[in-house]
C-alpha atoms as a PDB file:
ATOM      1  CA  UNK A   1       0.000   0.000   0.000  1.00  0.00           C
ATOM      2  CA  UNK A   2       1.368   3.376  -0.939  1.00  0.00           C
ATOM      3  CA  UNK A   3       1.849   5.640   2.070  1.00  0.00           C
ATOM      4  CA  UNK A   4       2.709   9.345   2.087  1.00  0.00           C
ATOM      5  CA  UNK A   5       3.139  11.790   4.941  1.00  0.00           C
ATOM      6  CA  UNK A   6       3.836  15.499   5.170  1.00  0.00           C
ATOM      7  CA  UNK A   7       6.648  15.734   7.736  1.00  0.00           C
ATOM      8  CA  UNK A   8       8.360  18.856   9.050  1.00  0.00           C
ATOM      9  CA  UNK A   9      11.258  17.191  10.845  1.00  0.00           C
ATOM     10  CA  UNK A  10      13.810  15.719   8.497  1.00  0.00           C
ATOM     11  CA  UNK A  11      15.500  14.209  11.539  1.00  0.00           C
ATOM     12  CA  UNK A  12      12.368  12.319  12.561  1.00  0.00           C
ATOM     13  CA  UNK A  13      11.875  10.980   9.047  1.00  0.00           C
ATOM     14  CA  UNK A  14      15.447   9.719   8.935  1.00  0.00           C
ATOM     15  CA  UNK A  15      15.322   8.111  12.359  1.00  0.00           C
ATOM     16  CA  UNK A  16      11.891   6.562  12.243  1.00  0.00           C
ATOM     17  CA  UNK A  17      10.079   4.933   9.416  1.00  0.00           C
ATOM     18  CA  UNK A  18       7.175   5.971  11.633  1.00  0.00           C
ATOM     19  CA  UNK A  19       6.652   9.251   9.852  1.00  0.00           C
ATOM     20  CA  UNK A  20       6.625   7.419   6.566  1.00  0.00           C
ATOM     21  CA  UNK A  21       4.201   4.713   7.616  1.00  0.00           C
ATOM     22  CA  UNK A  22       1.218   6.956   7.200  1.00  0.00           C
ATOM     23  CA  UNK A  23      -2.020   7.595   5.346  1.00  0.00           C
ATOM     24  CA  UNK A  24      -2.210   6.986   1.643  1.00  0.00           C
ATOM     25  CA  UNK A  25      -2.447  10.101  -0.496  1.00  0.00           C
ATOM     26  CA  UNK A  26      -4.348  10.530  -3.784  1.00  0.00           C
ATOM     27  CA  UNK A  27      -3.164   8.081  -6.421  1.00  0.00           C
ATOM     28  CA  UNK A  28       0.000   8.991  -8.318  1.00  0.00           C
ATOM     29  CA  UNK A  29      -1.799   8.953 -11.646  1.00  0.00           C
ATOM     30  CA  UNK A  30      -3.711  12.132 -10.777  1.00  0.00           C
ATOM     31  CA  UNK A  31      -2.198  15.437  -9.621  1.00  0.00           C
ATOM     32  CA  UNK A  32      -3.225  16.452  -6.105  1.00  0.00           C
ATOM     33  CA  UNK A  33      -5.184  19.395  -7.517  1.00  0.00           C
ATOM     34  CA  UNK A  34      -8.021  16.979  -8.272  1.00  0.00           C
ATOM     35  CA  UNK A  35      -8.310  16.136  -4.558  1.00  0.00           C
ATOM     36  CA  UNK A  36     -10.507  13.177  -5.298  1.00  0.00           C
ATOM     37  CA  UNK A  37     -10.213  10.411  -2.734  1.00  0.00           C
ATOM     38  CA  UNK A  38      -8.691   7.228  -4.205  1.00  0.00           C
ATOM     39  CA  UNK A  39     -10.964   4.308  -4.864  1.00  0.00           C
ATOM     40  CA  UNK A  40      -9.698   2.584  -1.736  1.00  0.00           C
ATOM     41  CA  UNK A  41     -11.278   5.304   0.398  1.00  0.00           C
ATOM     42  CA  UNK A  42     -14.747   4.748  -1.011  1.00  0.00           C
ATOM     43  CA  UNK A  43     -15.358   2.247   1.768  1.00  0.00           C
ATOM     44  CA  UNK A  44     -18.573   0.859   3.136  1.00  0.00           C
ATOM     45  CA  UNK A  45     -18.795   1.685   6.849  1.00  0.00           C
ATOM     46  CA  UNK A  46     -19.152  -1.974   7.697  1.00  0.00           C
ATOM     47  CA  UNK A  47     -15.864  -2.693   5.889  1.00  0.00           C
ATOM     48  CA  UNK A  48     -13.869  -0.245   7.969  1.00  0.00           C
ATOM     49  CA  UNK A  49     -12.436  -2.793  10.387  1.00  0.00           C
ATOM     50  CA  UNK A  50     -11.322  -5.171   7.650  1.00  0.00           C
ATOM     51  CA  UNK A  51      -7.939  -3.446   7.348  1.00  0.00           C
ATOM     52  CA  UNK A  52      -7.146  -3.566  11.064  1.00  0.00           C
ATOM     53  CA  UNK A  53      -3.727  -5.131  11.511  1.00  0.00           C
ATOM     54  CA  UNK A  54      -4.182  -8.541  13.136  1.00  0.00           C
ATOM     55  CA  UNK A  55      -2.754  -9.190  16.561  1.00  0.00           C
ATOM     56  CA  UNK A  56       0.749 -10.592  16.723  1.00  0.00           C
ATOM     57  CA  UNK A  57       2.985 -11.594  19.587  1.00  0.00           C
ATOM     58  CA  UNK A  58       4.565  -8.262  20.600  1.00  0.00           C
ATOM     59  CA  UNK A  59       8.300  -7.881  21.105  1.00  0.00           C
ATOM     60  CA  UNK A  60       8.127  -6.544  24.653  1.00  0.00           C
ATOM     61  CA  UNK A  61      11.109  -5.089  26.474  1.00  0.00           C
ATOM     62  CA  UNK A  62      12.077  -6.025  30.046  1.00  0.00           C
ATOM     63  CA  UNK A  63      10.163  -4.085  32.730  1.00  0.00           C
ATOM     64  CA  UNK A  64      11.583  -0.705  33.727  1.00  0.00           C
ATOM     65  CA  UNK A  65      10.293   2.297  35.673  1.00  0.00           C
ATOM     66  CA  UNK A  66       7.643   4.211  33.682  1.00  0.00           C
ATOM     67  CA  UNK A  67       8.232   7.794  32.517  1.00  0.00           C
ATOM     68  CA  UNK A  68       8.355  10.311  35.367  1.00  0.00           C
ATOM     69  CA  UNK A  69       4.944  10.995  36.897  1.00  0.00           C
ATOM     70  CA  UNK A  70       3.112   8.696  34.479  1.00  0.00           C
ATOM     71  CA  UNK A  71       2.122   6.128  37.089  1.00  0.00           C
ATOM     72  CA  UNK A  72       0.262   8.829  39.033  1.00  0.00           C
ATOM     73  CA  UNK A  73      -1.694  10.029  35.991  1.00  0.00           C
ATOM     74  CA  UNK A  74      -2.436   6.815  34.125  1.00  0.00           C
ATOM     75  CA  UNK A  75      -3.830   3.356  34.776  1.00  0.00           C
ATOM     76  CA  UNK A  76      -1.592   2.031  32.012  1.00  0.00           C
ATOM     77  CA  UNK A  77       0.056  -1.377  32.421  1.00  0.00           C
ATOM     78  CA  UNK A  78       3.576   0.028  32.158  1.00  0.00           C
ATOM     79  CA  UNK A  79       5.110  -3.448  32.588  1.00  0.00           C
ATOM     80  CA  UNK A  80       4.301  -3.969  28.893  1.00  0.00           C
ATOM     81  CA  UNK A  81       6.255  -1.725  26.548  1.00  0.00           C
ATOM     82  CA  UNK A  82       8.027  -1.931  23.183  1.00  0.00           C
ATOM     83  CA  UNK A  83      10.311   1.115  23.412  1.00  0.00           C
ATOM     84  CA  UNK A  84      12.715   2.227  26.149  1.00  0.00           C
ATOM     85  CA  UNK A  85      11.037   4.650  28.515  1.00  0.00           C
ATOM     86  CA  UNK A  86      14.228   6.714  28.447  1.00  0.00           C
ATOM     87  CA  UNK A  87      13.199   7.811  24.927  1.00  0.00           C
ATOM     88  CA  UNK A  88       9.990   9.394  26.227  1.00  0.00           C
ATOM     89  CA  UNK A  89      10.039  13.007  27.382  1.00  0.00           C
ATOM     90  CA  UNK A  90       7.477  15.296  28.943  1.00  0.00           C
ATOM     91  CA  UNK A  91       6.253  17.896  26.476  1.00  0.00           C
ATOM     92  CA  UNK A  92       5.104  20.125  29.339  1.00  0.00           C
ATOM     93  CA  UNK A  93       1.301  19.645  29.560  1.00  0.00           C
ATOM     94  CA  UNK A  94      -0.080  16.834  31.721  1.00  0.00           C
ATOM     95  CA  UNK A  95      -2.476  14.100  30.624  1.00  0.00           C
ATOM     96  CA  UNK A  96      -5.184  15.739  28.469  1.00  0.00           C
ATOM     97  CA  UNK A  97      -3.549  19.125  29.056  1.00  0.00           C
ATOM     98  CA  UNK A  98      -3.902  19.459  25.291  1.00  0.00           C
ATOM     99  CA  UNK A  99      -7.575  18.477  25.033  1.00  0.00           C
ATOM    100  CA  UNK A 100      -8.760  16.232  22.226  1.00  0.00           C
ATOM    101  CA  UNK A 101     -12.022  17.162  20.503  1.00  0.00           C
ATOM    102  CA  UNK A 102     -14.554  14.442  21.292  1.00  0.00           C
ATOM    103  CA  UNK A 103     -17.772  15.997  19.990  1.00  0.00           C
ATOM    104  CA  UNK A 104     -16.657  17.821  16.840  1.00  0.00           C
ATOM    105  CA  UNK A 105     -19.025  20.346  15.324  1.00  0.00           C
ATOM    106  CA  UNK A 106     -18.911  21.281  11.646  1.00  0.00           C
ATOM    107  CA  UNK A 107     -19.796  24.291   9.536  1.00  0.00           C
ATOM    108  CA  UNK A 108     -20.335  24.786   5.834  1.00  0.00           C
ATOM    109  CA  UNK A 109     -17.632  25.822   3.401  1.00  0.00           C
ATOM    110  CA  UNK A 110     -19.313  29.220   3.051  1.00  0.00           C
ATOM    111  CA  UNK A 111     -19.272  29.765   6.819  1.00  0.00           C
ATOM    112  CA  UNK A 112     -15.636  28.700   7.203  1.00  0.00           C
ATOM    113  CA  UNK A 113     -14.565  30.931   4.338  1.00  0.00           C
ATOM    114  CA  UNK A 114     -14.990  33.953   6.609  1.00  0.00           C
ATOM    115  CA  UNK A 115     -12.118  32.853   8.866  1.00  0.00           C
ATOM    116  CA  UNK A 116      -9.938  30.609   6.696  1.00  0.00           C
ATOM    117  CA  UNK A 117      -7.431  32.115   4.270  1.00  0.00           C
ATOM    118  CA  UNK A 118      -6.896  30.560   0.852  1.00  0.00           C
ATOM    119  CA  UNK A 119      -3.388  29.306   1.643  1.00  0.00           C
ATOM    120  CA  UNK A 120      -4.207  27.941   5.099  1.00  0.00           C
ATOM    121  CA  UNK A 121      -3.567  24.198   5.441  1.00  0.00           C
ATOM    122  CA  UNK A 122      -6.404  21.823   6.277  1.00  0.00           C
ATOM    123  CA  UNK A 123      -6.444  18.056   6.645  1.00  0.00           C
ATOM    124  CA  UNK A 124      -8.676  16.446   4.027  1.00  0.00           C
ATOM    125  CA  UNK A 125     -10.391  13.199   5.034  1.00  0.00           C
ATOM    126  CA  UNK A 126     -13.058  11.638   2.846  1.00  0.00           C
ATOM    127  CA  UNK A 127     -15.178   8.525   3.280  1.00  0.00           C
ATOM    128  CA  UNK A 128     -17.463   8.015   0.321  1.00  0.00           C
ATOM    129  CA  UNK A 129     -19.281  11.302  -0.317  1.00  0.00           C
ATOM    130  CA  UNK A 130     -18.483  12.648   3.156  1.00  0.00           C
ATOM    131  CA  UNK A 131     -15.511  15.026   2.712  1.00  0.00           C
ATOM    132  CA  UNK A 132     -14.281  16.942   5.757  1.00  0.00           C
ATOM    133  CA  UNK A 133     -11.658  19.611   6.375  1.00  0.00           C
ATOM    134  CA  UNK A 134      -9.838  19.873   9.695  1.00  0.00           C
ATOM    135  CA  UNK A 135      -8.016  23.233   9.792  1.00  0.00           C
ATOM    136  CA  UNK A 136      -4.534  23.067  11.265  1.00  0.00           C
ATOM    137  CA  UNK A 137      -5.208  26.342  13.088  1.00  0.00           C
ATOM    138  CA  UNK A 138      -7.562  24.249  15.275  1.00  0.00           C
ATOM    139  CA  UNK A 139      -5.635  20.962  15.346  1.00  0.00           C
ATOM    140  CA  UNK A 140      -2.545  22.920  16.449  1.00  0.00           C
ATOM    141  CA  UNK A 141      -4.298  23.359  19.821  1.00  0.00           C
ATOM    142  CA  UNK A 142      -6.031  19.971  20.138  1.00  0.00           C
ATOM    143  CA  UNK A 143      -3.967  17.455  18.138  1.00  0.00           C
ATOM    144  CA  UNK A 144      -6.715  14.798  18.094  1.00  0.00           C
ATOM    145  CA  UNK A 145     -10.299  14.765  16.821  1.00  0.00           C
ATOM    146  CA  UNK A 146     -12.341  11.663  17.653  1.00  0.00           C
ATOM    147  CA  UNK A 147     -14.834  11.651  14.804  1.00  0.00           C
ATOM    148  CA  UNK A 148     -17.058   9.420  12.684  1.00  0.00           C
ATOM    149  CA  UNK A 149     -16.806  10.141   8.960  1.00  0.00           C
ATOM    150  CA  UNK A 150     -19.171   8.463   6.530  1.00  0.00           C
ATOM    151  CA  UNK A 151     -20.048   6.006   9.276  1.00  0.00           C
ATOM    152  CA  UNK A 152     -16.402   5.083   9.943  1.00  0.00           C
ATOM    153  CA  UNK A 153     -14.987   5.891  13.424  1.00  0.00           C
ATOM    154  CA  UNK A 154     -11.735   7.777  12.819  1.00  0.00           C
ATOM    155  CA  UNK A 155      -9.153   9.626  14.875  1.00  0.00           C
ATOM    156  CA  UNK A 156      -7.812  12.590  12.919  1.00  0.00           C
ATOM    157  CA  UNK A 157      -4.477  13.522  14.463  1.00  0.00           C
ATOM    158  CA  UNK A 158      -1.855  16.217  13.997  1.00  0.00           C
ATOM    159  CA  UNK A 159       1.538  16.594  15.656  1.00  0.00           C
ATOM    160  CA  UNK A 160       2.568  20.282  15.473  1.00  0.00           C
ATOM    161  CA  UNK A 161       6.215  19.526  16.195  1.00  0.00           C
ATOM    162  CA  UNK A 162       6.730  17.312  13.144  1.00  0.00           C
ATOM    163  CA  UNK A 163       3.791  18.387  10.979  1.00  0.00           C
ATOM    164  CA  UNK A 164       2.426  14.846  10.660  1.00  0.00           C
ATOM    165  CA  UNK A 165      -1.277  14.704   9.828  1.00  0.00           C
ATOM    166  CA  UNK A 166      -2.530  11.132  10.124  1.00  0.00           C
ATOM    167  CA  UNK A 167      -5.984   9.581  10.355  1.00  0.00           C
ATOM    168  CA  UNK A 168      -6.538   6.213  12.018  1.00  0.00           C
ATOM    169  CA  UNK A 169      -9.454   3.845  12.158  1.00  0.00           C
ATOM    170  CA  UNK A 170     -10.558   3.786  15.801  1.00  0.00           C
ATOM    171  CA  UNK A 171     -11.990   0.285  15.687  1.00  0.00           C
ATOM    172  CA  UNK A 172      -9.688  -2.428  17.018  1.00  0.00           C
ATOM    173  CA  UNK A 173     -10.885  -5.989  17.632  1.00  0.00           C
ATOM    174  CA  UNK A 174     -14.483  -4.796  17.248  1.00  0.00           C
ATOM    175  CA  UNK A 175     -14.123  -2.113  19.923  1.00  0.00           C
ATOM    176  CA  UNK A 176     -14.177   1.614  19.149  1.00  0.00           C
ATOM    177  CA  UNK A 177     -11.381   3.465  20.920  1.00  0.00           C
ATOM    178  CA  UNK A 178     -11.273   7.129  21.918  1.00  0.00           C
ATOM    179  CA  UNK A 179      -7.944   8.922  22.070  1.00  0.00           C
ATOM    180  CA  UNK A 180      -6.445  11.656  24.207  1.00  0.00           C
ATOM    181  CA  UNK A 181      -3.020  13.254  24.619  1.00  0.00           C
ATOM    182  CA  UNK A 182      -0.496  11.984  27.167  1.00  0.00           C
ATOM    183  CA  UNK A 183       1.546  15.188  27.312  1.00  0.00           C
ATOM    184  CA  UNK A 184       4.591  13.103  26.373  1.00  0.00           C
ATOM    185  CA  UNK A 185       6.781  13.001  23.285  1.00  0.00           C
ATOM    186  CA  UNK A 186       9.102  10.505  21.664  1.00  0.00           C
ATOM    187  CA  UNK A 187      11.550  11.987  19.168  1.00  0.00           C
ATOM    188  CA  UNK A 188       9.418  15.166  19.214  1.00  0.00           C
ATOM    189  CA  UNK A 189       6.360  13.187  18.145  1.00  0.00           C
ATOM    190  CA  UNK A 190       2.974  13.063  19.875  1.00  0.00           C
ATOM    191  CA  UNK A 191       2.212  10.101  22.114  1.00  0.00           C
ATOM    192  CA  UNK A 192      -1.538   9.442  22.356  1.00  0.00           C
ATOM    193  CA  UNK A 193      -3.432   7.144  24.691  1.00  0.00           C
ATOM    194  CA  UNK A 194      -6.724   5.325  24.294  1.00  0.00           C
ATOM    195  CA  UNK A 195      -9.243   5.889  27.059  1.00  0.00           C
ATOM    196  CA  UNK A 196     -10.464   2.291  27.066  1.00  0.00           C
ATOM    197  CA  UNK A 197      -7.167   0.632  28.141  1.00  0.00           C
ATOM    198  CA  UNK A 198      -4.945   3.720  28.606  1.00  0.00           C
ATOM    199  CA  UNK A 199      -2.350   2.154  26.331  1.00  0.00           C
ATOM    200  CA  UNK A 200       0.102   4.675  24.839  1.00  0.00           C
ATOM    201  CA  UNK A 201       0.331   5.058  21.060  1.00  0.00           C
ATOM    202  CA  UNK A 202       3.035   6.673  18.890  1.00  0.00           C
ATOM    203  CA  UNK A 203       1.205   9.003  16.488  1.00  0.00           C
ATOM    204  CA  UNK A 204       3.730   8.783  13.660  1.00  0.00           C
ATOM    205  CA  UNK A 205       3.563   5.029  13.276  1.00  0.00           C
ATOM    206  CA  UNK A 206       0.223   4.128  14.871  1.00  0.00           C
ATOM    207  CA  UNK A 207       1.822   1.589  17.203  1.00  0.00           C
ATOM    208  CA  UNK A 208       0.917   0.974  20.822  1.00  0.00           C
ATOM    209  CA  UNK A 209       4.213   1.370  22.662  1.00  0.00           C
ATOM    210  CA  UNK A 210       3.053   0.783  26.256  1.00  0.00           C
ATOM    211  CA  UNK A 211       0.137  -0.815  28.049  1.00  0.00           C
ATOM    212  CA  UNK A 212      -2.305  -3.644  27.525  1.00  0.00           C
ATOM    213  CA  UNK A 213      -2.300  -3.166  23.737  1.00  0.00           C
ATOM    214  CA  UNK A 214       1.494  -2.784  23.390  1.00  0.00           C
ATOM    215  CA  UNK A 215       2.617  -4.172  20.056  1.00  0.00           C
ATOM    216  CA  UNK A 216      -0.685  -3.538  18.255  1.00  0.00           C
ATOM    217  CA  UNK A 217      -1.008  -1.129  15.349  1.00  0.00           C
ATOM    218  CA  UNK A 218      -3.927   1.030  14.259  1.00  0.00           C
ATOM    219  CA  UNK A 219      -5.058   0.928  10.640  1.00  0.00           C
ATOM    220  CA  UNK A 220      -4.219   4.114   8.743  1.00  0.00           C
ATOM    221  CA  UNK A 221      -6.902   5.939   6.798  1.00  0.00           C
ATOM    222  CA  UNK A 222      -6.022   8.318   3.919  1.00  0.00           C
ATOM    223  CA  UNK A 223      -5.515  11.919   5.058  1.00  0.00           C
ATOM    224  CA  UNK A 224      -3.841  14.721   3.127  1.00  0.00           C
ATOM    225  CA  UNK A 225      -2.822  18.268   3.983  1.00  0.00           C
ATOM    226  CA  UNK A 226      -4.115  20.660   1.307  1.00  0.00           C
ATOM    227  CA  UNK A 227      -4.768  24.376   1.093  1.00  0.00           C
ATOM    228  CA  UNK A 228      -8.164  25.704   2.066  1.00  0.00           C
ATOM    229  CA  UNK A 229      -8.641  27.081  -1.451  1.00  0.00           C
ATOM    230  CA  UNK A 230      -8.118  23.620  -2.956  1.00  0.00           C
ATOM    231  CA  UNK A 231     -10.511  21.937  -0.533  1.00  0.00           C
ATOM    232  CA  UNK A 232     -13.143  24.632  -1.117  1.00  0.00           C
ATOM    233  CA  UNK A 233     -12.888  24.214  -4.883  1.00  0.00           C
ATOM    234  CA  UNK A 234     -12.985  20.409  -4.862  1.00  0.00           C
ATOM    235  CA  UNK A 235     -15.608  19.993  -2.125  1.00  0.00           C
ATOM    236  CA  UNK A 236     -17.977  22.984  -2.085  1.00  0.00           C
ATOM    237  CA  UNK A 237     -20.499  20.907  -0.119  1.00  0.00           C
ATOM    238  CA  UNK A 238     -17.903  19.566   2.307  1.00  0.00           C
ATOM    239  CA  UNK A 239     -17.882  19.972   6.073  1.00  0.00           C
ATOM    240  CA  UNK A 240     -15.349  22.029   8.017  1.00  0.00           C
ATOM    241  CA  UNK A 241     -14.410  21.537  11.658  1.00  0.00           C
ATOM    242  CA  UNK A 242     -15.877  24.443  13.621  1.00  0.00           C
ATOM    243  CA  UNK A 243     -13.907  26.703  15.932  1.00  0.00           C
ATOM    244  CA  UNK A 244     -16.762  26.218  18.401  1.00  0.00           C
ATOM    245  CA  UNK A 245     -14.902  23.411  20.136  1.00  0.00           C
ATOM    246  CA  UNK A 246     -16.025  24.022  23.696  1.00  0.00           C
ATOM    247  CA  UNK A 247     -12.579  25.386  24.548  1.00  0.00           C
ATOM    248  CA  UNK A 248     -11.195  28.909  24.561  1.00  0.00           C
ATOM    249  CA  UNK A 249      -8.107  28.942  22.379  1.00  0.00           C
ATOM    250  CA  UNK A 250      -6.419  31.568  20.218  1.00  0.00           C
ATOM    251  CA  UNK A 251      -7.116  29.775  16.946  1.00  0.00           C
ATOM    252  CA  UNK A 252      -5.012  31.208  14.150  1.00  0.00           C
ATOM    253  CA  UNK A 253      -1.969  31.875  16.347  1.00  0.00           C
ATOM    254  CA  UNK A 254       1.009  29.551  16.625  1.00  0.00           C
ATOM    255  CA  UNK A 255       1.881  28.277  20.117  1.00  0.00           C
ATOM    256  CA  UNK A 256       5.081  26.691  18.783  1.00  0.00           C
ATOM    257  CA  UNK A 257       7.002  29.720  17.558  1.00  0.00           C
ATOM    258  CA  UNK A 258      10.429  28.571  16.373  1.00  0.00           C
ATOM    259  CA  UNK A 259       9.312  25.317  14.817  1.00  0.00           C
ATOM    260  CA  UNK A 260       8.413  27.268  11.686  1.00  0.00           C
ATOM    261  CA  UNK A 261      12.083  28.158  11.117  1.00  0.00           C
ATOM    262  CA  UNK A 262      13.745  25.603   8.866  1.00  0.00           C
ATOM    263  CA  UNK A 263      17.123  26.379  10.443  1.00  0.00           C
ATOM    264  CA  UNK A 264      15.841  26.219  14.032  1.00  0.00           C
ATOM    265  CA  UNK A 265      17.154  23.269  16.041  1.00  0.00           C
ATOM    266  CA  UNK A 266      14.221  21.118  17.243  1.00  0.00           C
ATOM    267  CA  UNK A 267      14.363  22.177  20.874  1.00  0.00           C
ATOM    268  CA  UNK A 268      12.066  19.423  22.184  1.00  0.00           C
ATOM    269  CA  UNK A 269      13.924  16.684  20.332  1.00  0.00           C
ATOM    270  CA  UNK A 270      16.042  14.152  22.186  1.00  0.00           C
ATOM    271  CA  UNK A 271      17.332  11.183  20.277  1.00  0.00           C
ATOM    272  CA  UNK A 272      20.121   9.850  18.084  1.00  0.00           C
ATOM    273  CA  UNK A 273      22.064  12.391  15.998  1.00  0.00           C
ATOM    274  CA  UNK A 274      20.791  12.992  12.479  1.00  0.00           C
ATOM    275  CA  UNK A 275      22.637  13.442   9.178  1.00  0.00           C
ATOM    276  CA  UNK A 276      23.488  17.010   8.207  1.00  0.00           C
ATOM    277  CA  UNK A 277      22.425  16.887   4.567  1.00  0.00           C
ATOM    278  CA  UNK A 278      19.250  18.869   5.326  1.00  0.00           C
ATOM    279  CA  UNK A 279      18.486  21.526   7.947  1.00  0.00           C
ATOM    280  CA  UNK A 280      17.058  19.926  11.118  1.00  0.00           C
ATOM    281  CA  UNK A 281      13.565  21.305  10.518  1.00  0.00           C
ATOM    282  CA  UNK A 282      13.456  20.759   6.756  1.00  0.00           C
ATOM    283  CA  UNK A 283      10.072  19.618   5.480  1.00  0.00           C
ATOM    284  CA  UNK A 284      10.023  16.501   3.362  1.00  0.00           C
ATOM    285  CA  UNK A 285       7.446  14.293   1.722  1.00  0.00           C
ATOM    286  CA  UNK A 286       8.123  10.622   2.311  1.00  0.00           C
ATOM    287  CA  UNK A 287       6.993   7.565   0.404  1.00  0.00           C
ATOM    288  CA  UNK A 288       7.225   4.118   1.996  1.00  0.00           C
ATOM    289  CA  UNK A 289       6.544   1.104  -0.209  1.00  0.00           C
ATOM    290  CA  UNK A 290       7.466  -2.548   0.212  1.00  0.00           C
ATOM    291  CA  UNK A 291      10.174  -1.840   2.745  1.00  0.00           C
ATOM    292  CA  UNK A 292      11.827   1.033   0.864  1.00  0.00           C
ATOM    293  CA  UNK A 293      11.518   4.615   2.108  1.00  0.00           C
ATOM    294  CA  UNK A 294      12.362   7.724   0.079  1.00  0.00           C
ATOM    295  CA  UNK A 295      12.240  11.353   1.230  1.00  0.00           C
ATOM    296  CA  UNK A 296      11.628  14.245  -1.185  1.00  0.00           C
ATOM    297  CA  UNK A 297      12.635  17.638   0.275  1.00  0.00           C
ATOM    298  CA  UNK A 298      10.102  20.404  -0.263  1.00  0.00           C
ATOM    299  CA  UNK A 299      12.722  22.764  -1.683  1.00  0.00           C
ATOM    300  CA  UNK A 300      13.561  20.209  -4.381  1.00  0.00           C
ATOM    301  CA  UNK A 301       9.911  19.512  -5.176  1.00  0.00           C
ATOM    302  CA  UNK A 302       9.160  23.229  -5.438  1.00  0.00           C
ATOM    303  CA  UNK A 303      11.856  23.510  -8.098  1.00  0.00           C
ATOM    304  CA  UNK A 304      11.195  20.410 -10.197  1.00  0.00           C
ATOM    305  CA  UNK A 305       7.381  20.295  -9.621  1.00  0.00           C
ATOM    306  CA  UNK A 306       7.025  16.603 -10.596  1.00  0.00           C
ATOM    307  CA  UNK A 307       9.141  13.554  -9.740  1.00  0.00           C
ATOM    308  CA  UNK A 308       8.706  10.192 -11.452  1.00  0.00           C
ATOM    309  CA  UNK A 309      10.402   7.503  -9.416  1.00  0.00           C
ATOM    310  CA  UNK A 310      10.483   3.835  -8.449  1.00  0.00           C
ATOM    311  CA  UNK A 311       9.969   3.027  -4.773  1.00  0.00           C
ATOM    312  CA  UNK A 312       9.811  -0.519  -3.507  1.00  0.00           C
ATOM    313  CA  UNK A 313       9.660  -1.775  -7.075  1.00  0.00           C
ATOM    314  CA  UNK A 314       6.587   0.287  -7.918  1.00  0.00           C
ATOM    315  CA  UNK A 315       6.371   3.421 -10.090  1.00  0.00           C
ATOM    316  CA  UNK A 316       5.301   6.560  -8.229  1.00  0.00           C
ATOM    317  CA  UNK A 317       4.721  10.151  -9.267  1.00  0.00           C
ATOM    318  CA  UNK A 318       5.126  12.967  -6.741  1.00  0.00           C
ATOM    319  CA  UNK A 319       3.503  16.319  -7.560  1.00  0.00           C
ATOM    320  CA  UNK A 320       4.190  19.704  -6.021  1.00  0.00           C
ATOM    321  CA  UNK A 321       1.410  22.247  -5.473  1.00  0.00           C
ATOM    322  CA  UNK A 322       2.137  25.583  -3.827  1.00  0.00           C
ATOM    323  CA  UNK A 323       0.261  26.777  -0.780  1.00  0.00           C
ATOM    324  CA  UNK A 324      -1.128  24.800   2.122  1.00  0.00           C
ATOM    325  CA  UNK A 325       1.436  22.299   3.373  1.00  0.00           C
ATOM    326  CA  UNK A 326       4.489  24.201   2.135  1.00  0.00           C
END
């Protein structure tokens, strides 16, 4: 399955295939300007759980003390984990300090046009005829939206520190999960938790890294960052996440000043050193197919516009469109 992610941290893409194991984008045969969901996204709601990755015997690590303060906040079974807890840092906020949106409200394209600029990025998720836009100016403050799109329970997620926008199917083993934020990071990437078992999940790769469900993986659902103007043109009858979230936030402002600077060191990153070919915060598009991962820097794509390539033995075409994600 072809998988593409918009990622802001070149270092995270190099270190983890996590940022590349992500939602499928529109098919390579059609430029992204068409913004039509690929045939694989035209799913029947009852078929949504068919792609859930089956359970496998997890490769658990020996028990070790959980991350600082976590045992007081969570009911997680921290004896089960697949990554060293020394790789997990506090991002500052406590559990649910960055509140997920659990009862999302939506407005029309016409209504949202009064507060969204043409070049603003939104996350496009479509199930059948149900096309929805999740503005990053809102997700920047909430990071997770627990939603049901076209009858399919989905978690639409965004990590501001590495610009990864990923949608997951929330159904696992026939149970619908709801997700919140742990307030912790691994390699600058959001760590989520499900409220049913309080297992911890790495957003970039969709894997449960601690708790009862450690070793399981969520099924990705196609999600793409596009400009508001492109979404509005392609889906005039689409739905847009409302700023009436139930929380008071300064939507439209950036709480992570500094992460927009391509030459800015990632100040919340702690992990192995990264190659110096690209600036630490360089944005790249990554394609992961059949065990091969290729990164395409934005500055190169902006110059050449189209790249025809072979990844994992399959032909791919990568298109560049200005605005939105760039």
